[in-house]
């Protein structure tokens, strides 16, 4: 009782001060602004960057650029593709997602349907239950599968294209529009991750998981030993999770026919082929920059193992197209026709895209390339400390940093100072490790 009275007496002055608003005791407390790197970004942008990041494989330093300020890599495997660096402008992440053919209900897909949902929905169409469901974020889109199971799944991925590109050329894709009208479709799908690296998006379509789960964060990735290599090259580590094609092959004793036609080795993310390490895996892969529709038609016709879709064991064919929209639409029509003929009409088709990039055109003079960013940082510190600049950040040479007694903070400071024709290049720069702690934002 004595202690309670004492506390009450001591509290009286504070209560009185508050009651009569003495000094600043009634001032409204200003909300604390987040000064924590990465946490200051808008939540939707943070979630996409988080979905595109994999610790140990992604760059060590990440940035959010001003819209339309930076694009491309310092070591572009293909000179005609320059992916934009992540920015607050998310329009490029809007993509078409289309399902059509046998086993597909006519419907309008929900706005915001994700690339991670393509593989689970295809699995649902053939009533296939994939193992290890908890390793993938993607879930099947409800209301698409009819229960009538096709013998062949065909997925076609349009590289470097987003819905805005299609909307800008409405007369250039009549066949795709027809598929949308007769199947389940939306132009308001979402890649779900940043940066808009085609290699990352293709692996997302193939696996049903985000880059943070499958580990293919872009054309260049780090290995477990710390080497910087091209995704799916002979020196690269395998994806962290399996593709739908991998799971089909494993579940059916390598009997399904699995095929891929693409233009780059990084397109292998659509089909996988090595995750289970099966010695008897005989997937067919054609990497070519020539007529991919013709290559796909030949593959669908079959080899010594027969044509795709010829028996009740489900087969899966993946084709990655690129170029101008009218040409891709024409190739899509030819591939769909060849698949329909091979499987005698028992085909379910999925068409999607990787997001808008600057394809087949030079960068504008007011947009800097990744090589310019890397060079500017190296010049500022006086030595080469960047291994590569890729959309969204820098891979750093840790040995060089140690020898020069520099840290990632020194690189971040130089990035913050960079200016372009319109002023500062970056809205935010931050060490990649901060993305791992995003749940505390």
Protein backbone atom coordinates (compact mmCIF):
# COMPACT_ATOMS: atom_id res chain seq x y z
CA UNK A 1 0.00 0.00 0.00
CA UNK A 2 2.83 2.38 0.91
CA UNK A 3 4.63 1.64 -2.39
CA UNK A 4 1.45 2.26 -4.40
CA UNK A 5 0.88 5.63 -2.67
CA UNK A 6 4.48 6.63 -3.32
CA UNK A 7 4.21 5.84 -7.04
CA UNK A 8 0.98 7.82 -7.25
CA UNK A 9 2.54 10.87 -5.61
CA UNK A 10 5.56 10.76 -7.89
CA UNK A 11 3.29 10.50 -10.92
CA UNK A 12 1.21 13.57 -10.06
CA UNK A 13 3.64 16.15 -11.53
CA UNK A 14 3.80 14.32 -14.87
CA UNK A 15 0.00 14.04 -15.03
CA UNK A 16 -0.39 17.71 -14.23
CA UNK A 17 2.12 18.74 -16.87
CA UNK A 18 0.27 16.67 -19.46
CA UNK A 19 -3.14 17.93 -18.31
CA UNK A 20 -2.18 21.61 -18.68
CA UNK A 21 0.02 21.07 -21.76
CA UNK A 22 3.07 22.58 -20.12
CA UNK A 23 5.97 23.03 -22.53
CA UNK A 24 5.73 20.52 -25.43
CA UNK A 25 4.00 17.77 -23.45
CA UNK A 26 0.96 17.80 -25.78
CA UNK A 27 2.91 17.92 -29.03
CA UNK A 28 1.94 15.17 -31.47
CA UNK A 29 4.68 12.60 -31.86
CA UNK A 30 5.90 12.51 -35.44
CA UNK A 31 5.88 9.03 -36.96
CA UNK A 32 9.39 7.68 -37.21
CA UNK A 33 10.56 7.57 -40.81
CA UNK A 34 12.25 4.35 -41.78
CA UNK A 35 15.90 5.03 -42.43
CA UNK A 36 16.72 1.36 -42.79
CA UNK A 37 17.98 0.52 -46.29
CA UNK A 38 15.48 -1.48 -48.35
CA UNK A 39 12.77 -1.10 -45.67
CA UNK A 40 12.08 2.43 -46.89
CA UNK A 41 10.79 1.08 -50.21
CA UNK A 42 7.08 0.63 -50.93
CA UNK A 43 5.83 -2.78 -49.78
CA UNK A 44 4.93 -4.09 -53.26
CA UNK A 45 8.35 -3.19 -54.62
CA UNK A 46 10.04 -4.79 -51.60
CA UNK A 47 8.12 -8.03 -52.04
CA UNK A 48 9.06 -8.30 -55.71
CA UNK A 49 12.74 -7.65 -55.01
CA UNK A 50 12.62 -10.17 -52.17
CA UNK A 51 11.07 -12.79 -54.48
CA UNK A 52 13.85 -12.17 -57.00
CA UNK A 53 16.70 -12.49 -54.48
CA UNK A 54 18.54 -15.64 -53.40
CA UNK A 55 21.30 -15.27 -50.83
CA UNK A 56 24.60 -16.61 -52.15
CA UNK A 57 23.50 -16.43 -55.80
CA UNK A 58 22.35 -12.83 -56.22
CA UNK A 59 24.60 -9.74 -56.41
CA UNK A 60 26.16 -8.50 -53.17
CA UNK A 61 24.98 -4.91 -53.73
CA UNK A 62 21.44 -4.11 -54.89
CA UNK A 63 19.81 -0.92 -56.16
CA UNK A 64 16.45 0.53 -57.11
CA UNK A 65 16.93 2.81 -60.11
CA UNK A 66 15.00 5.84 -61.18
CA UNK A 67 12.46 4.77 -63.84
CA UNK A 68 13.97 4.60 -67.33
CA UNK A 69 17.51 5.36 -66.19
CA UNK A 70 19.55 2.12 -66.29
CA UNK A 71 19.22 -1.10 -68.32
CA UNK A 72 21.28 -4.12 -69.27
CA UNK A 73 24.29 -5.97 -67.94
CA UNK A 74 28.02 -5.38 -68.21
CA UNK A 75 28.38 -8.88 -69.66
CA UNK A 76 25.29 -9.39 -71.77
CA UNK A 77 25.14 -12.84 -73.29
CA UNK A 78 22.86 -11.46 -76.00
CA UNK A 79 23.37 -7.93 -77.25
CA UNK A 80 19.75 -7.54 -78.28
CA UNK A 81 18.32 -7.86 -74.78
CA UNK A 82 18.71 -5.17 -72.12
CA UNK A 83 16.57 -5.80 -69.05
CA UNK A 84 15.57 -2.66 -67.12
CA UNK A 85 16.92 -2.27 -63.61
CA UNK A 86 14.24 -2.47 -60.88
CA UNK A 87 12.41 0.78 -60.26
CA UNK A 88 9.15 2.05 -58.82
CA UNK A 89 7.60 1.65 -62.29
CA UNK A 90 6.12 -1.86 -62.19
CA UNK A 91 4.31 -1.78 -65.55
CA UNK A 92 6.97 -3.96 -67.18
CA UNK A 93 6.14 -6.77 -64.75
CA UNK A 94 2.59 -7.08 -66.12
CA UNK A 95 2.41 -10.14 -68.40
CA UNK A 96 -0.14 -12.26 -70.28
CA UNK A 97 -1.05 -15.66 -68.86
CA UNK A 98 -3.13 -17.88 -71.14
CA UNK A 99 -4.37 -21.47 -70.90
CA UNK A 100 -6.26 -23.08 -73.78
CA UNK A 101 -7.05 -26.45 -75.32
CA UNK A 102 -8.19 -29.76 -73.89
CA UNK A 103 -8.80 -29.79 -70.15
CA UNK A 104 -9.11 -25.99 -69.93
CA UNK A 105 -12.28 -24.17 -68.89
CA UNK A 106 -13.14 -20.91 -70.62
CA UNK A 107 -12.67 -18.18 -68.01
CA UNK A 108 -11.12 -14.84 -67.13
CA UNK A 109 -8.11 -15.36 -64.90
CA UNK A 110 -7.86 -13.22 -61.76
CA UNK A 111 -5.94 -9.97 -62.10
CA UNK A 112 -2.49 -10.41 -60.58
CA UNK A 113 -2.19 -14.12 -61.41
CA UNK A 114 1.49 -15.00 -61.06
CA UNK A 115 4.07 -16.80 -63.18
CA UNK A 116 4.55 -19.14 -60.21
CA UNK A 117 1.01 -20.41 -60.87
CA UNK A 118 1.60 -21.62 -64.43
CA UNK A 119 3.29 -24.93 -63.51
CA UNK A 120 0.83 -25.80 -60.69
CA UNK A 121 -2.11 -25.08 -63.01
CA UNK A 122 -0.67 -27.31 -65.75
CA UNK A 123 -0.17 -30.04 -63.14
CA UNK A 124 -3.80 -29.59 -62.08
CA UNK A 125 -4.96 -29.91 -65.70
CA UNK A 126 -3.39 -33.39 -65.96
CA UNK A 127 -4.33 -34.23 -62.35
CA UNK A 128 -0.69 -34.65 -61.33
CA UNK A 129 0.28 -34.24 -57.69
CA UNK A 130 3.83 -32.94 -57.45
CA UNK A 131 6.11 -33.95 -54.56
CA UNK A 132 7.51 -31.45 -52.03
CA UNK A 133 4.74 -28.85 -52.41
CA UNK A 134 6.11 -26.69 -49.60
CA UNK A 135 9.27 -25.73 -51.52
CA UNK A 136 7.27 -23.71 -54.09
CA UNK A 137 5.11 -20.65 -53.54
CA UNK A 138 2.99 -21.20 -56.66
CA UNK A 139 -0.55 -22.55 -56.33
CA UNK A 140 -2.94 -23.70 -59.03
CA UNK A 141 -5.40 -21.13 -60.37
CA UNK A 142 -8.88 -22.34 -59.48
CA UNK A 143 -11.50 -22.84 -62.15
CA UNK A 144 -9.11 -23.60 -65.03
CA UNK A 145 -8.93 -27.42 -65.09
CA UNK A 146 -12.03 -29.27 -66.31
CA UNK A 147 -10.90 -32.76 -65.30
CA UNK A 148 -10.50 -33.86 -68.92
CA UNK A 149 -6.79 -34.74 -68.96
CA UNK A 150 -4.80 -34.06 -72.15
CA UNK A 151 -1.88 -36.23 -73.22
CA UNK A 152 0.41 -33.30 -74.06
CA UNK A 153 1.24 -30.09 -72.22
CA UNK A 154 2.72 -27.33 -74.37
CA UNK A 155 4.11 -24.19 -72.73
CA UNK A 156 5.32 -21.28 -74.85
CA UNK A 157 7.20 -18.41 -73.22
CA UNK A 158 7.60 -15.05 -74.96
CA UNK A 159 10.97 -13.65 -73.94
CA UNK A 160 11.29 -9.92 -73.34
CA UNK A 161 7.58 -9.21 -73.81
CA UNK A 162 5.02 -7.77 -71.42
CA UNK A 163 1.33 -6.94 -71.68
CA UNK A 164 2.09 -3.29 -72.42
CA UNK A 165 4.00 -4.38 -75.53
CA UNK A 166 1.02 -6.41 -76.72
CA UNK A 167 -1.41 -3.58 -76.03
CA UNK A 168 0.78 -1.20 -78.04
CA UNK A 169 0.46 -3.50 -81.10
CA UNK A 170 -3.09 -4.90 -80.89
CA UNK A 171 -3.17 -6.08 -84.51
CA UNK A 172 0.09 -8.06 -84.30
CA UNK A 173 -1.07 -11.09 -82.30
CA UNK A 174 -4.34 -12.47 -83.72
CA UNK A 175 -3.57 -16.09 -82.86
CA UNK A 176 -2.77 -15.35 -79.22
CA UNK A 177 -5.93 -13.24 -79.00
CA UNK A 178 -7.93 -16.21 -80.30
CA UNK A 179 -6.45 -18.44 -77.62
CA UNK A 180 -7.41 -15.88 -74.99
CA UNK A 181 -10.99 -15.76 -76.27
CA UNK A 182 -11.44 -19.54 -76.19
CA UNK A 183 -9.50 -20.36 -73.03
CA UNK A 184 -8.67 -18.98 -69.58
CA UNK A 185 -6.63 -15.81 -69.83
CA UNK A 186 -5.58 -12.40 -68.55
CA UNK A 187 -3.31 -9.59 -69.68
CA UNK A 188 -2.95 -8.57 -66.05
CA UNK A 189 -0.68 -11.37 -64.89
CA UNK A 190 2.43 -10.54 -62.89
CA UNK A 191 5.99 -11.80 -62.98
CA UNK A 192 5.92 -11.52 -59.18
CA UNK A 193 9.63 -10.75 -58.94
CA UNK A 194 12.29 -8.22 -59.90
CA UNK A 195 14.53 -7.70 -61.77
CA UNK A 196 12.87 -8.63 -65.06
CA UNK A 197 15.61 -11.05 -66.03
CA UNK A 198 14.28 -13.52 -68.65
CA UNK A 199 16.36 -16.39 -67.24
CA UNK A 200 14.75 -15.90 -63.83
CA UNK A 201 11.20 -15.66 -65.19
CA UNK A 202 11.62 -18.73 -67.41
CA UNK A 203 12.77 -20.80 -64.43
CA UNK A 204 9.78 -19.48 -62.46
CA UNK A 205 7.43 -20.74 -65.18
CA UNK A 206 9.21 -24.09 -65.28
CA UNK A 207 9.32 -24.72 -61.53
CA UNK A 208 6.33 -22.92 -60.06
CA UNK A 209 8.61 -21.20 -57.55
CA UNK A 210 10.04 -17.69 -57.39
CA UNK A 211 13.75 -16.94 -58.03
CA UNK A 212 14.24 -16.79 -54.26
CA UNK A 213 13.21 -20.47 -54.24
CA UNK A 214 14.68 -21.90 -57.46
CA UNK A 215 17.89 -19.83 -57.29
CA UNK A 216 18.10 -18.74 -60.95
CA UNK A 217 18.11 -15.01 -60.26
CA UNK A 218 19.36 -14.00 -63.71
CA UNK A 219 21.65 -14.81 -66.59
CA UNK A 220 24.62 -14.72 -64.18
CA UNK A 221 24.59 -16.50 -60.82
CA UNK A 222 27.12 -17.40 -58.15
CA UNK A 223 27.93 -21.01 -57.46
CA UNK A 224 28.20 -22.46 -53.97
CA UNK A 225 31.99 -22.03 -54.32
CA UNK A 226 31.58 -18.33 -55.08
CA UNK A 227 32.34 -18.39 -58.82
CA UNK A 228 30.28 -16.17 -61.10
CA UNK A 229 28.95 -18.23 -64.01
CA UNK A 230 26.16 -18.28 -66.56
CA UNK A 231 22.98 -20.02 -65.45
CA UNK A 232 22.70 -23.61 -66.73
CA UNK A 233 26.26 -23.59 -68.08
CA UNK A 234 28.45 -26.62 -67.40
CA UNK A 235 29.98 -24.83 -64.37
CA UNK A 236 26.69 -23.69 -62.84
CA UNK A 237 24.91 -25.29 -59.91
CA UNK A 238 21.52 -26.87 -60.56
CA UNK A 239 18.34 -25.02 -59.63
CA UNK A 240 17.39 -25.44 -55.98
CA UNK A 241 13.99 -26.96 -56.80
CA UNK A 242 12.72 -29.22 -59.58
CA UNK A 243 10.71 -28.22 -62.63
CA UNK A 244 7.30 -29.70 -63.45
CA UNK A 245 9.04 -31.64 -66.24
CA UNK A 246 11.56 -33.07 -63.75
CA UNK A 247 8.76 -34.24 -61.47
CA UNK A 248 6.81 -35.77 -64.35
CA UNK A 249 9.86 -37.70 -65.52
CA UNK A 250 10.67 -38.96 -62.03
CA UNK A 251 7.09 -39.98 -61.22
CA UNK A 252 6.66 -41.92 -64.47
CA UNK A 253 10.06 -43.61 -64.65
CA UNK A 254 11.47 -41.36 -67.42
CA UNK A 255 8.67 -42.44 -69.78
CA UNK A 256 7.27 -38.93 -70.49
CA UNK A 257 8.69 -37.14 -73.50
CA UNK A 258 10.21 -33.85 -72.35
CA UNK A 259 11.34 -31.32 -74.93
CA UNK A 260 12.75 -27.80 -75.08
CA UNK A 261 13.41 -25.45 -77.98
CA UNK A 262 15.06 -22.17 -77.03
CA UNK A 263 17.65 -19.62 -78.02
CA UNK A 264 19.95 -19.70 -75.00
CA UNK A 265 21.20 -22.28 -72.55
CA UNK A 266 19.50 -20.27 -69.79
CA UNK A 267 16.15 -21.17 -71.38
CA UNK A 268 16.64 -24.64 -69.87
CA UNK A 269 14.88 -23.33 -66.78
CA UNK A 270 11.62 -24.12 -68.57
CA UNK A 271 12.29 -27.86 -68.60
CA UNK A 272 15.16 -28.60 -66.21
CA UNK A 273 16.44 -32.12 -66.69
CA UNK A 274 19.16 -32.58 -64.09
CA UNK A 275 17.51 -32.08 -60.72
CA UNK A 276 16.97 -35.77 -59.89
CA UNK A 277 20.24 -36.78 -61.53
CA UNK A 278 18.59 -39.68 -63.33
CA UNK A 279 21.02 -41.51 -65.59
CA UNK A 280 18.21 -42.54 -67.92
CA UNK A 281 16.91 -39.02 -68.50
CA UNK A 282 16.66 -38.46 -72.26
CA UNK A 283 15.11 -35.01 -72.57
CA UNK A 284 15.35 -33.47 -76.03
CA UNK A 285 16.89 -29.98 -76.13
CA UNK A 286 17.48 -27.76 -79.16
CA UNK A 287 19.17 -24.38 -78.71
CA UNK A 288 18.97 -22.36 -81.92
CA UNK A 289 18.53 -18.82 -83.19
CA UNK A 290 16.93 -20.03 -86.40
CA UNK A 291 13.33 -21.05 -87.03
CA UNK A 292 12.25 -22.34 -83.60
CA UNK A 293 8.75 -23.17 -84.78
CA UNK A 294 10.23 -25.54 -87.33
CA UNK A 295 12.56 -27.08 -84.72
CA UNK A 296 9.62 -27.53 -82.34
CA UNK A 297 7.45 -29.12 -85.04
CA UNK A 298 10.19 -31.64 -85.85
CA UNK A 299 10.60 -32.50 -82.19
CA UNK A 300 6.85 -32.91 -81.68
CA UNK A 301 6.64 -35.29 -84.63
CA UNK A 302 8.77 -37.65 -82.63
CA UNK A 303 11.94 -39.68 -82.79
CA UNK A 304 12.74 -43.24 -81.84
CA UNK A 305 10.53 -42.84 -78.76
CA UNK A 306 7.50 -41.75 -80.79
CA UNK A 307 5.54 -38.52 -81.16
CA UNK A 308 4.66 -36.22 -78.27
CA UNK A 309 1.20 -36.94 -76.90
CA UNK A 310 0.94 -40.33 -78.59
CA UNK A 311 0.17 -42.34 -75.43
CA UNK A 312 -1.49 -41.90 -72.05
CA UNK A 313 1.74 -40.96 -70.26
CA UNK A 314 1.68 -37.13 -70.15
CA UNK A 315 4.39 -35.36 -72.17
CA UNK A 316 5.62 -31.78 -71.80
CA UNK A 317 7.04 -29.53 -74.52
CA UNK A 318 8.50 -26.05 -73.82
CA UNK A 319 9.34 -23.42 -76.43
CA UNK A 320 10.95 -20.02 -75.74
CA UNK A 321 10.35 -17.44 -78.46
CA UNK A 322 11.76 -13.94 -78.93
CA UNK A 323 11.78 -11.18 -81.51
CA UNK A 324 9.01 -8.95 -82.81
CA UNK A 325 5.48 -9.67 -81.67
CA UNK A 326 3.99 -10.49 -85.08
CA UNK A 327 6.74 -13.03 -85.77
CA UNK A 328 6.29 -14.68 -82.38
CA UNK A 329 2.53 -14.89 -82.90
CA UNK A 330 3.08 -16.59 -86.24
CA UNK A 331 5.50 -19.09 -84.72
CA UNK A 332 3.08 -19.73 -81.86
CA UNK A 333 0.37 -20.62 -84.36
CA UNK A 334 2.65 -23.07 -86.18
CA UNK A 335 3.82 -24.72 -82.95
CA UNK A 336 0.27 -25.10 -81.62
CA UNK A 337 -0.78 -26.66 -84.93
CA UNK A 338 2.12 -29.12 -84.85
CA UNK A 339 1.30 -30.08 -81.24
CA UNK A 340 -2.37 -30.58 -82.09
CA UNK A 341 -1.44 -32.86 -84.99
CA UNK A 342 1.10 -34.88 -82.97
CA UNK A 343 -1.27 -35.48 -80.05
CA UNK A 344 -4.41 -35.79 -82.19
CA UNK A 345 -5.97 -32.79 -80.46
CA UNK A 346 -5.20 -33.86 -76.91
CA UNK A 347 -3.17 -30.74 -76.02
CA UNK A 348 -3.33 -28.16 -73.24
CA UNK A 349 -1.44 -24.99 -74.10
CA UNK A 350 -0.02 -22.37 -71.74
CA UNK A 351 1.37 -19.08 -73.08
CA UNK A 352 3.04 -16.45 -70.95
CA UNK A 353 5.93 -13.97 -71.05
CA UNK A 354 8.92 -12.77 -69.05
CA UNK A 355 8.12 -9.05 -68.85
CA UNK A 356 9.02 -6.00 -70.91
CA UNK A 357 12.69 -5.49 -71.74
CA UNK A 358 14.48 -3.42 -74.35
CA UNK A 359 14.74 -5.99 -77.13
CA UNK A 360 16.18 -5.50 -80.60
CA UNK A 361 16.80 -1.79 -80.12
CA UNK A 362 19.76 0.27 -78.90
CA UNK A 363 19.59 1.95 -75.53
CA UNK A 364 18.50 5.57 -75.61
CA UNK A 365 21.29 8.06 -75.04
CA UNK A 366 19.78 9.09 -71.70
CA UNK A 367 19.66 5.51 -70.39
CA UNK A 368 22.90 4.13 -69.00
CA UNK A 369 24.00 0.52 -69.46
CA UNK A 370 25.25 -1.86 -66.81
CA UNK A 371 28.80 -1.63 -68.15
CA UNK A 372 28.78 2.13 -67.55
CA UNK A 373 27.71 1.64 -63.95
CA UNK A 374 30.45 -0.92 -63.30
CA UNK A 375 33.07 1.29 -64.94
CA UNK A 376 31.99 4.35 -62.94
CA UNK A 377 32.33 2.47 -59.65
CA UNK A 378 35.71 1.01 -60.59
CA UNK A 379 36.99 4.43 -61.68
CA UNK A 380 35.80 6.02 -58.45
CA UNK A 381 37.73 3.58 -56.23
CA UNK A 382 40.73 3.41 -58.56
CA UNK A 383 40.68 -0.36 -59.11
CA UNK A 384 38.36 -2.94 -60.59
CA UNK A 385 36.18 -4.17 -57.73
CA UNK A 386 33.12 -5.18 -59.77
CA UNK A 387 32.92 -8.64 -61.27
CA UNK A 388 29.77 -7.75 -63.18
CA UNK A 389 26.88 -5.32 -63.23
CA UNK A 390 23.52 -7.01 -63.77
CA UNK A 391 19.98 -5.63 -63.70
CA UNK A 392 19.46 -4.67 -60.09
CA UNK A 393 22.97 -4.66 -58.70
CA UNK A 394 26.67 -5.46 -58.68
CA UNK A 395 28.62 -8.65 -58.16
CA UNK A 396 31.75 -7.62 -56.26
CA UNK A 397 35.26 -9.04 -56.35
CA UNK A 398 35.73 -9.83 -52.67
CA UNK A 399 39.45 -10.49 -53.06
CA UNK A 400 39.98 -7.07 -54.63
CA UNK A 401 37.98 -5.38 -51.88
CA UNK A 402 40.11 -7.09 -49.23
CA UNK A 403 43.39 -6.16 -50.91
CA UNK A 404 42.30 -2.53 -51.24
CA UNK A 405 40.91 -2.48 -47.69
CA UNK A 406 37.50 -1.46 -49.00
CA UNK A 407 34.05 -2.61 -47.96
CA UNK A 408 30.64 -2.91 -49.57
CA UNK A 409 29.77 0.38 -47.86
CA UNK A 410 32.42 2.14 -49.96
CA UNK A 411 30.80 0.78 -53.12
CA UNK A 412 27.35 1.82 -51.89
CA UNK A 413 28.63 5.34 -51.25
CA UNK A 414 29.95 5.63 -54.80
CA UNK A 415 26.67 4.33 -56.25
CA UNK A 416 24.73 6.98 -54.32
CA UNK A 417 26.87 9.67 -55.95
CA UNK A 418 26.23 8.56 -59.54
CA UNK A 419 24.28 10.99 -61.70
CA UNK A 420 22.64 10.69 -65.09
CA UNK A 421 21.14 13.22 -67.52
CA UNK A 422 18.07 13.52 -65.28
CA UNK A 423 19.89 13.65 -61.94
CA UNK A 424 20.55 10.86 -59.39
CA UNK A 425 20.40 7.41 -60.95
CA UNK A 426 19.19 5.47 -57.93
CA UNK A 427 16.33 5.86 -55.50
CA UNK A 428 17.88 3.41 -53.07
CA UNK A 429 21.09 1.42 -52.73
CA UNK A 430 21.57 -1.28 -50.12
CA UNK A 431 23.64 -4.35 -49.28
CA UNK A 432 21.88 -7.51 -50.43
CA UNK A 433 21.92 -8.95 -46.91
CA UNK A 434 19.21 -6.46 -45.92
CA UNK A 435 16.75 -8.30 -48.17
CA UNK A 436 17.22 -11.41 -46.02
CA UNK A 437 15.90 -9.44 -43.03
CA UNK A 438 12.92 -7.93 -44.86
CA UNK A 439 10.50 -9.61 -42.47
CA UNK A 440 11.66 -7.15 -39.80
CA UNK A 441 10.74 -4.08 -41.88
